[in-house]
Amino acid sequence: MKVFTYSEARQHLAKLLDPAREEEVEIRRRDGTIFSLTVKQPSTRSPFDVPGIDTAATTQDILDAVAESRTR
């Protein structure tokens, strides 16, 4: 594991990203606080990829509800 001071991390952030691809990188502040930098794999799922629900609502019910909300 690589360890950098906060000052080094601020000055050389781009250099920290390369080792973070392979292993965890720690950034330590003078007050003892430790931050961990790791690579995060991008999600292959859409945030809109949610399961549907069965409902008795018709298209007309939905259109009526939208029209009603716009008249308020």
N, C-alpha and C. Protein backbone atom coordinates (compact mmCIF):
# COMPACT_ATOMS: atom_id res chain seq x y z
N MET A 1 0.85 -1.17 0.00
CA MET A 1 0.00 0.00 0.00
C MET A 1 0.89 1.23 0.00
N LYS A 2 0.55 2.17 -0.86
CA LYS A 2 1.29 3.43 -0.94
C LYS A 2 0.68 4.42 0.05
N VAL A 3 1.54 5.22 0.66
CA VAL A 3 1.09 6.23 1.61
C VAL A 3 1.70 7.57 1.21
N PHE A 4 0.85 8.60 1.12
CA PHE A 4 1.29 9.94 0.77
C PHE A 4 0.80 10.91 1.82
N THR A 5 1.52 12.00 1.98
CA THR A 5 1.04 13.06 2.87
C THR A 5 -0.02 13.85 2.11
N TYR A 6 -0.81 14.59 2.87
CA TYR A 6 -1.85 15.42 2.27
C TYR A 6 -1.24 16.43 1.30
N SER A 7 -0.11 17.00 1.69
CA SER A 7 0.56 17.99 0.85
C SER A 7 1.01 17.36 -0.47
N GLU A 8 1.60 16.15 -0.40
CA GLU A 8 2.01 15.46 -1.63
C GLU A 8 0.80 15.15 -2.51
N ALA A 9 -0.27 14.73 -1.89
CA ALA A 9 -1.48 14.38 -2.65
C ALA A 9 -2.04 15.61 -3.36
N ARG A 10 -2.06 16.73 -2.68
CA ARG A 10 -2.56 17.97 -3.30
C ARG A 10 -1.72 18.36 -4.50
N GLN A 11 -0.43 18.26 -4.37
CA GLN A 11 0.48 18.70 -5.42
C GLN A 11 0.56 17.72 -6.59
N HIS A 12 0.33 16.45 -6.33
CA HIS A 12 0.56 15.43 -7.35
C HIS A 12 -0.62 14.46 -7.47
N LEU A 13 -1.82 14.97 -7.51
CA LEU A 13 -2.99 14.11 -7.56
C LEU A 13 -2.95 13.15 -8.74
N ALA A 14 -2.55 13.61 -9.90
CA ALA A 14 -2.50 12.75 -11.09
C ALA A 14 -1.57 11.56 -10.87
N LYS A 15 -0.48 11.76 -10.14
CA LYS A 15 0.47 10.67 -9.87
C LYS A 15 -0.11 9.65 -8.89
N LEU A 16 -1.05 10.06 -8.05
CA LEU A 16 -1.68 9.14 -7.11
C LEU A 16 -2.68 8.22 -7.79
N LEU A 17 -3.26 8.68 -8.88
CA LEU A 17 -4.30 7.90 -9.54
C LEU A 17 -3.76 6.63 -10.18
N ASP A 18 -2.54 6.67 -10.70
CA ASP A 18 -1.96 5.48 -11.34
C ASP A 18 -1.78 4.33 -10.34
N PRO A 19 -1.10 4.56 -9.20
CA PRO A 19 -0.98 3.43 -8.27
C PRO A 19 -2.33 3.01 -7.67
N ALA A 20 -3.29 3.92 -7.60
CA ALA A 20 -4.60 3.58 -7.05
C ALA A 20 -5.35 2.60 -7.95
N ARG A 21 -4.96 2.51 -9.21
CA ARG A 21 -5.58 1.52 -10.10
C ARG A 21 -5.21 0.10 -9.68
N GLU A 22 -4.04 -0.06 -9.09
CA GLU A 22 -3.54 -1.39 -8.73
C GLU A 22 -3.72 -1.73 -7.25
N GLU A 23 -3.63 -0.72 -6.39
CA GLU A 23 -3.70 -0.98 -4.95
C GLU A 23 -4.26 0.24 -4.23
N GLU A 24 -4.62 0.04 -2.99
CA GLU A 24 -5.15 1.13 -2.17
C GLU A 24 -4.05 2.15 -1.89
N VAL A 25 -4.42 3.42 -1.95
CA VAL A 25 -3.49 4.51 -1.65
C VAL A 25 -4.05 5.26 -0.44
N GLU A 26 -3.21 5.51 0.55
CA GLU A 26 -3.63 6.26 1.73
C GLU A 26 -3.06 7.66 1.68
N ILE A 27 -3.88 8.61 2.10
CA ILE A 27 -3.45 10.01 2.21
C ILE A 27 -3.62 10.39 3.68
N ARG A 28 -2.52 10.79 4.30
CA ARG A 28 -2.52 11.11 5.73
C ARG A 28 -2.33 12.61 5.95
N ARG A 29 -3.20 13.15 6.79
CA ARG A 29 -3.08 14.56 7.16
C ARG A 29 -2.27 14.68 8.45
N ARG A 30 -1.83 15.88 8.73
CA ARG A 30 -1.03 16.12 9.94
C ARG A 30 -1.79 15.77 11.21
N ASP A 31 -3.12 15.98 11.18
CA ASP A 31 -3.91 15.70 12.39
C ASP A 31 -4.18 14.21 12.58
N GLY A 32 -3.64 13.36 11.69
CA GLY A 32 -3.80 11.92 11.83
C GLY A 32 -4.94 11.33 11.02
N THR A 33 -5.75 12.18 10.41
CA THR A 33 -6.84 11.69 9.58
C THR A 33 -6.27 10.96 8.37
N ILE A 34 -6.84 9.80 8.06
CA ILE A 34 -6.37 9.01 6.93
C ILE A 34 -7.52 8.83 5.94
N PHE A 35 -7.24 9.11 4.67
CA PHE A 35 -8.20 8.92 3.59
C PHE A 35 -7.70 7.79 2.71
N SER A 36 -8.61 7.03 2.16
CA SER A 36 -8.25 5.90 1.30
C SER A 36 -8.70 6.21 -0.12
N LEU A 37 -7.81 5.96 -1.07
CA LEU A 37 -8.10 6.20 -2.48
C LEU A 37 -8.01 4.86 -3.21
N THR A 38 -9.11 4.43 -3.81
CA THR A 38 -9.14 3.19 -4.58
C THR A 38 -9.89 3.42 -5.87
N VAL A 39 -9.66 2.56 -6.83
CA VAL A 39 -10.37 2.66 -8.10
C VAL A 39 -11.76 2.07 -7.93
N LYS A 40 -12.74 2.67 -8.59
CA LYS A 40 -14.11 2.19 -8.54
C LYS A 40 -14.52 1.82 -9.96
N GLN A 41 -14.99 0.61 -10.13
CA GLN A 41 -15.39 0.15 -11.46
C GLN A 41 -16.72 0.83 -11.83
N PRO A 42 -16.83 1.28 -13.08
CA PRO A 42 -18.08 1.90 -13.50
C PRO A 42 -19.22 0.88 -13.53
N SER A 43 -20.38 1.34 -13.20
CA SER A 43 -21.55 0.47 -13.20
C SER A 43 -21.98 0.19 -14.63
N THR A 44 -22.37 -1.03 -14.89
CA THR A 44 -22.84 -1.38 -16.23
C THR A 44 -24.36 -1.25 -16.32
N ARG A 45 -24.98 -0.94 -15.20
CA ARG A 45 -26.44 -0.80 -15.19
C ARG A 45 -26.85 0.66 -15.23
N SER A 46 -27.97 0.90 -15.83
CA SER A 46 -28.54 2.24 -15.86
C SER A 46 -29.24 2.50 -14.52
N PRO A 47 -29.20 3.74 -14.03
CA PRO A 47 -29.94 4.05 -12.81
C PRO A 47 -31.45 3.92 -13.01
N PHE A 48 -31.89 3.87 -14.26
CA PHE A 48 -33.31 3.71 -14.56
C PHE A 48 -33.70 2.25 -14.74
N ASP A 49 -32.76 1.34 -14.56
CA ASP A 49 -33.00 -0.09 -14.70
C ASP A 49 -33.58 -0.61 -13.38
N VAL A 50 -34.88 -0.39 -13.20
CA VAL A 50 -35.57 -0.80 -11.98
C VAL A 50 -36.70 -1.75 -12.36
N PRO A 51 -37.06 -2.63 -11.45
CA PRO A 51 -38.15 -3.55 -11.77
C PRO A 51 -39.47 -2.81 -11.88
N GLY A 52 -40.31 -3.26 -12.78
CA GLY A 52 -41.62 -2.66 -12.96
C GLY A 52 -42.61 -3.19 -11.93
N ILE A 53 -43.77 -2.57 -11.88
CA ILE A 53 -44.83 -3.03 -10.98
C ILE A 53 -46.10 -3.20 -11.78
N ASP A 54 -46.94 -4.13 -11.36
CA ASP A 54 -48.23 -4.32 -12.00
C ASP A 54 -49.21 -3.34 -11.38
N THR A 55 -50.02 -2.70 -12.22
CA THR A 55 -51.01 -1.75 -11.75
C THR A 55 -52.22 -1.79 -12.67
N ALA A 56 -53.34 -1.38 -12.14
CA ALA A 56 -54.56 -1.35 -12.93
C ALA A 56 -54.73 -0.01 -13.65
N ALA A 57 -53.79 0.91 -13.47
CA ALA A 57 -53.89 2.23 -14.10
C ALA A 57 -53.74 2.10 -15.62
N THR A 58 -54.59 2.83 -16.31
CA THR A 58 -54.52 2.84 -17.77
C THR A 58 -53.76 4.07 -18.23
N THR A 59 -53.45 4.10 -19.50
CA THR A 59 -52.78 5.27 -20.07
C THR A 59 -53.63 6.51 -19.86
N GLN A 60 -54.94 6.37 -20.03
CA GLN A 60 -55.84 7.51 -19.85
C GLN A 60 -55.83 7.99 -18.40
N ASP A 61 -55.76 7.07 -17.43
CA ASP A 61 -55.66 7.46 -16.02
C ASP A 61 -54.42 8.32 -15.78
N ILE A 62 -53.33 7.92 -16.37
CA ILE A 62 -52.07 8.66 -16.20
C ILE A 62 -52.17 10.03 -16.85
N LEU A 63 -52.71 10.08 -18.06
CA LEU A 63 -52.87 11.37 -18.75
C LEU A 63 -53.79 12.30 -17.97
N ASP A 64 -54.87 11.76 -17.40
CA ASP A 64 -55.79 12.57 -16.60
C ASP A 64 -55.08 13.11 -15.35
N ALA A 65 -54.26 12.29 -14.71
CA ALA A 65 -53.54 12.72 -13.51
C ALA A 65 -52.54 13.82 -13.85
N VAL A 66 -51.86 13.70 -14.98
CA VAL A 66 -50.90 14.73 -15.41
C VAL A 66 -51.64 16.02 -15.72
N ALA A 67 -52.75 15.92 -16.44
CA ALA A 67 -53.53 17.12 -16.78
C ALA A 67 -54.05 17.80 -15.51
N GLU A 68 -54.51 17.01 -14.56
CA GLU A 68 -55.01 17.58 -13.30
C GLU A 68 -53.90 18.28 -12.53
N SER A 69 -52.71 17.70 -12.51
CA SER A 69 -51.62 18.32 -11.76
C SER A 69 -51.17 19.63 -12.40
N ARG A 70 -51.37 19.76 -13.69
CA ARG A 70 -50.97 20.99 -14.39
C ARG A 70 -51.97 22.12 -14.22
N THR A 71 -53.18 21.81 -13.79
CA THR A 71 -54.19 22.86 -13.61
C THR A 71 -54.16 23.43 -12.20
N ARG A 72 -53.36 22.90 -11.34
CA ARG A 72 -53.30 23.38 -9.94
C ARG A 72 -52.50 24.63 -9.84
